[in-house]
Amino acid sequence: MTVRFIDKAFLDALSDEARLAPRLRKHFNLHANHAEPVQRLFNAIEPGSYVAPHRHAALPASENLFVLRGSLGLILFDDAGHVTSARVVEPAGACCGVELGANVWHSVVSLQTGTVILEVKQGPFIAETASERADWAPADSSPEAKDWLERMKSILSVAE
């Protein structure tokens, strides 16, 4: 077994890569491959990154998100795209993580530079069926994505 220390330098480097990435995100897998039964990864997400609303329906299992540093907005939706809940998730805040059950429509918004989360979910990971994108929200590459992101941030400022 190897030992991997997750320290400030590691998180800083991951955040630096996210800031330079076109989608303003960078993940680092802890699992050895996509076939593993538990998928564990760090995800650095910078402000301005649009994570389109989605749910994990093909493999009905929970997804766990823990904020290690920074500030993350979590927005939950019903099947029609109406917001059902919005929370700010922070390491030292009132809420530092969440367990999302299967089939829960959700999106996240980075509220602070250097935000890094730890994600844990059931595997195996199959890219084609890993998540279902909401047809009522724009794709992350669409021109409408920026307006949608601003709408989600405004919902969070009301929820704080």
Protein backbone atom coordinates (compact mmCIF):
# COMPACT_ATOMS: atom_id res chain seq x y z
CA MET A 1 0.00 0.00 0.00
CA THR A 2 1.21 3.46 -0.80
CA VAL A 3 0.78 6.48 1.40
CA ARG A 4 -0.36 9.75 -0.10
CA PHE A 5 -0.43 12.84 2.06
CA ILE A 6 -2.94 15.41 0.96
CA ASP A 7 -1.31 18.67 1.95
CA LYS A 8 -1.54 22.35 1.11
CA ALA A 9 1.00 22.02 -1.71
CA PHE A 10 -1.09 19.28 -3.37
CA LEU A 11 -4.31 21.33 -3.11
CA ASP A 12 -2.53 24.48 -4.32
CA ALA A 13 -1.16 22.66 -7.38
CA LEU A 14 -4.59 21.21 -8.21
CA SER A 15 -6.20 24.66 -7.88
CA ASP A 16 -3.48 26.17 -10.07
CA GLU A 17 -4.28 23.60 -12.77
CA ALA A 18 -8.00 24.37 -12.48
CA ARG A 19 -7.38 28.11 -12.92
CA LEU A 20 -5.53 27.36 -16.19
CA ALA A 21 -8.07 24.84 -17.53
CA PRO A 22 -10.65 25.99 -20.09
CA ARG A 23 -13.56 24.75 -17.90
CA LEU A 24 -11.90 26.13 -14.71
CA ARG A 25 -11.92 22.64 -13.17
CA LYS A 26 -9.37 19.93 -12.54
CA HIS A 27 -9.89 16.56 -10.92
CA PHE A 28 -7.43 14.09 -9.44
CA ASN A 29 -8.54 10.49 -9.07
CA LEU A 30 -7.57 8.53 -5.98
CA HIS A 31 -9.00 5.32 -7.43
CA ALA A 32 -6.68 3.34 -9.70
CA ASN A 33 -9.18 2.88 -12.53
CA HIS A 34 -12.80 3.41 -13.53
CA ALA A 35 -13.71 -0.22 -12.71
CA GLU A 36 -13.14 0.20 -8.97
CA PRO A 37 -16.31 -0.17 -6.88
CA VAL A 38 -15.68 3.13 -5.08
CA GLN A 39 -14.73 6.23 -7.05
CA ARG A 40 -12.80 8.80 -4.98
CA LEU A 41 -11.52 12.04 -6.41
CA PHE A 42 -10.55 15.59 -5.63
CA ASN A 43 -12.15 18.25 -7.77
CA ALA A 44 -10.78 21.79 -7.85
CA ILE A 45 -13.44 24.18 -9.11
CA GLU A 46 -12.85 27.86 -9.73
CA PRO A 47 -15.42 30.67 -9.82
CA GLY A 48 -16.82 30.97 -13.33
CA SER A 49 -16.94 27.22 -13.90
CA TYR A 50 -20.41 26.08 -14.94
CA VAL A 51 -21.36 22.60 -13.77
CA ALA A 52 -24.58 21.86 -15.61
CA PRO A 53 -27.41 20.42 -13.50
CA HIS A 54 -27.30 16.64 -13.62
CA ARG A 55 -28.24 13.51 -11.72
CA HIS A 56 -26.81 10.03 -11.38
CA ALA A 57 -29.60 7.72 -12.49
CA ALA A 58 -28.02 4.83 -14.40
CA LEU A 59 -26.33 3.45 -11.31
CA PRO A 60 -28.65 4.50 -8.51
CA ALA A 61 -26.31 5.24 -5.65
CA SER A 62 -25.41 8.15 -3.45
CA GLU A 63 -22.77 10.76 -4.17
CA ASN A 64 -20.87 12.36 -1.32
CA LEU A 65 -19.27 15.82 -1.59
CA PHE A 66 -17.03 17.31 1.11
CA VAL A 67 -15.53 20.78 0.79
CA LEU A 68 -11.89 20.72 1.86
CA ARG A 69 -11.28 24.41 1.28
CA GLY A 70 -12.95 27.38 -0.30
CA SER A 71 -16.70 27.81 -0.65
CA LEU A 72 -19.16 25.88 -2.78
CA GLY A 73 -22.78 26.56 -3.57
CA LEU A 74 -25.00 23.49 -3.93
CA ILE A 75 -28.32 23.82 -5.73
CA LEU A 76 -30.93 21.06 -5.90
CA PHE A 77 -33.75 20.90 -8.44
CA ASP A 78 -36.96 18.97 -9.01
CA ASP A 79 -37.63 17.12 -12.27
CA ALA A 80 -39.02 20.28 -13.90
CA GLY A 81 -35.93 22.35 -13.05
CA HIS A 82 -37.38 24.31 -10.13
CA VAL A 83 -34.95 24.99 -7.28
CA THR A 84 -35.84 22.93 -4.22
CA SER A 85 -32.85 23.80 -2.03
CA ALA A 86 -29.70 25.92 -2.10
CA ARG A 87 -26.88 25.75 0.45
CA VAL A 88 -23.42 27.18 0.88
CA VAL A 89 -21.00 24.41 1.78
CA GLU A 90 -17.70 25.35 3.47
CA PRO A 91 -15.12 23.50 5.61
CA ALA A 92 -15.79 25.61 8.71
CA GLY A 93 -19.35 26.59 7.84
CA ALA A 94 -22.70 25.35 9.05
CA CYS A 95 -22.57 22.69 6.32
CA CYS A 96 -19.27 21.13 5.20
CA GLY A 97 -20.53 18.28 3.03
CA VAL A 98 -23.53 16.55 1.57
CA GLU A 99 -24.72 13.08 0.68
CA LEU A 100 -26.90 13.17 -2.41
CA GLY A 101 -29.19 10.21 -2.95
CA ALA A 102 -29.68 8.62 -6.34
CA ASN A 103 -31.61 10.59 -8.95
CA VAL A 104 -31.22 13.99 -7.24
CA TRP A 105 -30.84 16.81 -9.77
CA HIS A 106 -27.96 19.02 -8.60
CA SER A 107 -25.35 21.53 -9.59
CA VAL A 108 -22.48 23.20 -7.80
CA VAL A 109 -21.02 26.69 -8.04
CA SER A 110 -17.57 27.69 -6.85
CA LEU A 111 -17.90 30.78 -4.70
CA GLN A 112 -14.21 31.26 -3.92
CA THR A 113 -10.95 30.75 -5.75
CA GLY A 114 -9.05 27.70 -4.55
CA THR A 115 -12.19 25.66 -3.82
CA VAL A 116 -11.45 21.93 -3.64
CA ILE A 117 -13.95 19.16 -2.92
CA LEU A 118 -13.59 15.46 -2.23
CA GLU A 119 -16.13 13.36 -4.13
CA VAL A 120 -16.98 9.78 -3.25
CA LYS A 121 -19.46 7.71 -5.23
CA GLN A 122 -20.16 4.15 -6.21
CA GLY A 123 -18.35 2.70 -9.21
CA PRO A 124 -17.68 1.53 -11.70
CA PHE A 125 -17.48 4.79 -13.65
CA ILE A 126 -18.86 4.46 -17.18
CA ALA A 127 -18.61 7.82 -18.93
CA GLU A 128 -21.59 7.26 -21.21
CA THR A 129 -23.96 6.57 -18.29
CA ALA A 130 -22.24 8.31 -15.34
CA SER A 131 -24.70 11.18 -15.24
CA GLU A 132 -27.79 12.45 -16.95
CA ARG A 133 -27.76 16.11 -17.98
CA ALA A 134 -30.91 18.15 -17.44
CA ASP A 135 -32.69 19.04 -20.66
CA TRP A 136 -34.12 22.14 -18.95
CA ALA A 137 -30.66 23.70 -18.39
CA PRO A 138 -28.04 24.74 -20.92
CA ALA A 139 -25.03 22.57 -21.68
CA ASP A 140 -21.76 23.81 -20.19
CA SER A 141 -20.42 24.78 -23.63
CA SER A 142 -23.49 26.78 -24.68
CA PRO A 143 -23.69 30.58 -24.85
CA GLU A 144 -26.52 30.49 -22.27
CA ALA A 145 -24.30 28.83 -19.65
CA LYS A 146 -22.94 32.15 -18.36
CA ASP A 147 -26.44 33.52 -17.67
CA TRP A 148 -27.45 30.26 -15.98
CA LEU A 149 -24.35 30.41 -13.77
CA GLU A 150 -25.19 33.98 -12.74
CA ARG A 151 -28.76 32.89 -11.92
CA MET A 152 -27.45 30.08 -9.70
CA LYS A 153 -25.11 32.48 -7.88
CA SER A 154 -27.98 34.89 -7.28
CA ILE A 155 -30.08 32.05 -5.82
CA LEU A 156 -27.22 31.28 -3.44
CA SER A 157 -26.83 34.86 -2.30
CA VAL A 158 -30.50 34.78 -1.27
CA ALA A 159 -30.01 31.42 0.46
CA GLU A 160 -27.00 32.48 2.54
